[in-house]
C-alpha atoms as a PDB file:
ATOM      1  CA  MET A   1       0.000   0.000   0.000  1.00  0.00           C
ATOM      2  CA  LEU A   2       1.210   3.474  -0.802  1.00  0.00           C
ATOM      3  CA  ALA A   3       0.356   6.353   1.503  1.00  0.00           C
ATOM      4  CA  ASP A   4       0.899  10.026   0.700  1.00  0.00           C
ATOM      5  CA  ARG A   5       3.289   9.170  -2.152  1.00  0.00           C
ATOM      6  CA  ASP A   6       6.126   8.890   0.381  1.00  0.00           C
ATOM      7  CA  HIS A   7       5.306   5.753   2.318  1.00  0.00           C
ATOM      8  CA  VAL A   8       4.783   2.168   1.317  1.00  0.00           C
ATOM      9  CA  PHE A   9       3.662  -0.392   3.827  1.00  0.00           C
ATOM     10  CA  PHE A  10       2.694  -4.023   3.624  1.00  0.00           C
ATOM     11  CA  GLU A  11       0.389  -6.017   5.828  1.00  0.00           C
ATOM     12  CA  TYR A  12       0.633  -9.760   5.540  1.00  0.00           C
ATOM     13  CA  GLN A  13      -2.677 -11.586   5.370  1.00  0.00           C
ATOM     14  CA  GLU A  14      -2.765 -15.347   5.671  1.00  0.00           C
ATOM     15  CA  LYS A  15      -5.644 -15.621   3.211  1.00  0.00           C
ATOM     16  CA  HIS A  16      -6.434 -13.751   0.003  1.00  0.00           C
ATOM     17  CA  THR A  17     -10.116 -13.128   0.737  1.00  0.00           C
ATOM     18  CA  SER A  18     -12.633 -10.292   0.832  1.00  0.00           C
ATOM     19  CA  GLU A  19     -12.708 -10.629   4.608  1.00  0.00           C
ATOM     20  CA  ALA A  20      -8.940 -10.093   4.806  1.00  0.00           C
ATOM     21  CA  VAL A  21      -9.114  -7.056   2.500  1.00  0.00           C
ATOM     22  CA  CYS A  22     -11.970  -5.514   4.500  1.00  0.00           C
ATOM     23  CA  SER A  23     -10.099  -6.023   7.765  1.00  0.00           C
ATOM     24  CA  MET A  24      -7.024  -4.231   6.366  1.00  0.00           C
ATOM     25  CA  PHE A  25      -9.078  -1.292   5.093  1.00  0.00           C
ATOM     26  CA  LYS A  26     -11.636  -1.116   7.926  1.00  0.00           C
ATOM     27  CA  GLY A  27     -12.877   2.482   8.061  1.00  0.00           C
ATOM     28  CA  PHE A  28     -10.732   3.719   5.147  1.00  0.00           C
ATOM     29  CA  LYS A  29     -12.496   6.353   3.025  1.00  0.00           C
ATOM     30  CA  GLY A  30      -9.941   7.316   0.382  1.00  0.00           C
ATOM     31  CA  TYR A  31      -8.885   6.004  -3.003  1.00  0.00           C
ATOM     32  CA  VAL A  32      -7.704   2.463  -3.652  1.00  0.00           C
ATOM     33  CA  GLN A  33      -6.012   1.160  -6.767  1.00  0.00           C
ATOM     34  CA  ALA A  34      -6.117  -2.606  -6.763  1.00  0.00           C
ATOM     35  CA  ASP A  35      -5.900  -5.324  -9.343  1.00  0.00           C
ATOM     36  CA  ALA A  36      -9.169  -6.646 -10.721  1.00  0.00           C
ATOM     37  CA  HIS A  37      -9.366  -9.605  -8.339  1.00  0.00           C
ATOM     38  CA  CYS A  38     -12.855 -10.169  -6.949  1.00  0.00           C
ATOM     39  CA  VAL A  39     -11.637 -10.057  -3.312  1.00  0.00           C
ATOM     40  CA  TYR A  40     -11.684  -6.240  -3.567  1.00  0.00           C
ATOM     41  CA  ASP A  41     -15.342  -6.036  -4.633  1.00  0.00           C
ATOM     42  CA  ALA A  42     -16.554  -6.158  -1.006  1.00  0.00           C
ATOM     43  CA  LEU A  43     -14.336  -3.195  -0.159  1.00  0.00           C
ATOM     44  CA  PHE A  44     -15.792  -1.078  -2.957  1.00  0.00           C
ATOM     45  CA  ARG A  45     -19.335  -2.133  -2.031  1.00  0.00           C
ATOM     46  CA  GLY A  46     -18.708  -0.593   1.382  1.00  0.00           C
ATOM     47  CA  GLU A  47     -18.381  -3.709   3.511  1.00  0.00           C
ATOM     48  CA  ALA A  48     -15.355  -2.227   5.345  1.00  0.00           C
ATOM     49  CA  ARG A  49     -17.206   0.937   6.437  1.00  0.00           C
ATOM     50  CA  LEU A  50     -17.388   1.652  10.154  1.00  0.00           C
ATOM     51  CA  ASP A  51     -20.779   3.383   9.860  1.00  0.00           C
ATOM     52  CA  LEU A  52     -23.476   2.894   7.223  1.00  0.00           C
ATOM     53  CA  GLY A  53     -23.379   6.631   6.484  1.00  0.00           C
ATOM     54  CA  ASP A  54     -19.673   6.526   5.632  1.00  0.00           C
ATOM     55  CA  LYS A  55     -18.545   6.554   2.032  1.00  0.00           C
ATOM     56  CA  ALA A  56     -16.891   3.388   0.734  1.00  0.00           C
ATOM     57  CA  PRO A  57     -13.352   3.668  -0.649  1.00  0.00           C
ATOM     58  CA  GLN A  58     -13.314   4.757  -4.265  1.00  0.00           C
ATOM     59  CA  GLU A  59     -11.772   2.428  -6.797  1.00  0.00           C
ATOM     60  CA  VAL A  60      -9.340   4.022  -9.223  1.00  0.00           C
ATOM     61  CA  GLY A  61      -8.097   2.370 -12.377  1.00  0.00           C
ATOM     62  CA  CYS A  62      -4.751   2.017 -14.055  1.00  0.00           C
ATOM     63  CA  PHE A  63      -4.063   3.259 -17.574  1.00  0.00           C
ATOM     64  CA  ARG A  64      -1.319   0.663 -17.996  1.00  0.00           C
ATOM     65  CA  HIS A  65      -3.847  -2.131 -17.543  1.00  0.00           C
ATOM     66  CA  ALA A  66      -6.423  -0.435 -19.762  1.00  0.00           C
ATOM     67  CA  ARG A  67      -3.786   0.108 -22.444  1.00  0.00           C
ATOM     68  CA  ARG A  68      -3.238  -3.638 -22.866  1.00  0.00           C
ATOM     69  CA  LYS A  69      -6.537  -4.202 -24.684  1.00  0.00           C
ATOM     70  CA  PHE A  70      -5.892  -1.273 -26.996  1.00  0.00           C
ATOM     71  CA  TRP A  71      -2.410  -2.610 -27.705  1.00  0.00           C
ATOM     72  CA  GLU A  72      -3.835  -6.040 -28.500  1.00  0.00           C
ATOM     73  CA  ALA A  73      -6.444  -4.491 -30.803  1.00  0.00           C
ATOM     74  CA  ALA A  74      -3.788  -2.415 -32.552  1.00  0.00           C
ATOM     75  CA  VAL A  75      -1.494  -5.409 -33.101  1.00  0.00           C
ATOM     76  CA  VAL A  76      -4.010  -8.161 -33.846  1.00  0.00           C
ATOM     77  CA  THR A  77      -6.685  -6.303 -35.818  1.00  0.00           C
ATOM     78  CA  LYS A  78      -4.572  -3.359 -36.998  1.00  0.00           C
ATOM     79  CA  ASP A  79      -7.327  -1.089 -35.685  1.00  0.00           C
ATOM     80  CA  ALA A  80      -6.477   2.565 -36.386  1.00  0.00           C
ATOM     81  CA  LEU A  81      -8.394   3.895 -33.384  1.00  0.00           C
ATOM     82  CA  ALA A  82      -6.610   1.495 -31.036  1.00  0.00           C
ATOM     83  CA  ARG A  83      -3.268   2.638 -32.458  1.00  0.00           C
ATOM     84  CA  GLU A  84      -4.246   6.278 -31.854  1.00  0.00           C
ATOM     85  CA  VAL A  85      -5.231   5.494 -28.244  1.00  0.00           C
ATOM     86  CA  ASN A  86      -1.823   3.890 -27.681  1.00  0.00           C
ATOM     87  CA  LEU A  87      -0.006   6.878 -29.122  1.00  0.00           C
ATOM     88  CA  ARG A  88      -1.957   9.282 -26.909  1.00  0.00           C
ATOM     89  CA  LEU A  89      -1.379   7.164 -23.815  1.00  0.00           C
ATOM     90  CA  ASP A  90       2.346   7.109 -24.606  1.00  0.00           C
ATOM     91  CA  VAL A  91       2.295  10.915 -24.427  1.00  0.00           C
ATOM     92  CA  LEU A  92       0.573  10.789 -21.027  1.00  0.00           C
ATOM     93  CA  PHE A  93       3.130   8.270 -19.750  1.00  0.00           C
ATOM     94  CA  GLU A  94       5.945  10.575 -20.867  1.00  0.00           C
ATOM     95  CA  PHE A  95       4.408  13.458 -18.899  1.00  0.00           C
ATOM     96  CA  GLU A  96       4.171  11.186 -15.879  1.00  0.00           C
ATOM     97  CA  LYS A  97       7.890  10.318 -16.121  1.00  0.00           C
ATOM     98  CA  GLN A  98       8.770  14.027 -16.050  1.00  0.00           C
END
C-alpha cells in the first residue's frame, strides 16, 4: 500500500479473501487502486465501512492495464483507433515520467 506518495507499507494476510481485505481497510475512506481480483469487490461495495453513512473507498483504475486491450487491438486487428489510443497514452506516460 502506498500512503501520501512517500510511504509504502505491507500487511501480511494469511488468506487472500474479501474478509482479509476488508479487515485491512476497515474504516478507510480514500482512493484504492487494486488489481481486478474479486476479493476487492466487497471493499468497494462498502463492507469495510465503520458506519453505514460513511462513504466506501473509491476504486481508481490504471491506464497501464487499460492500455493492454488497446495494444492487443492495434497489433491483432490493426485497428487505427486502437493505435491512436496507444499513441496518446504514450504521451501521457511521458508526462508522468517528467
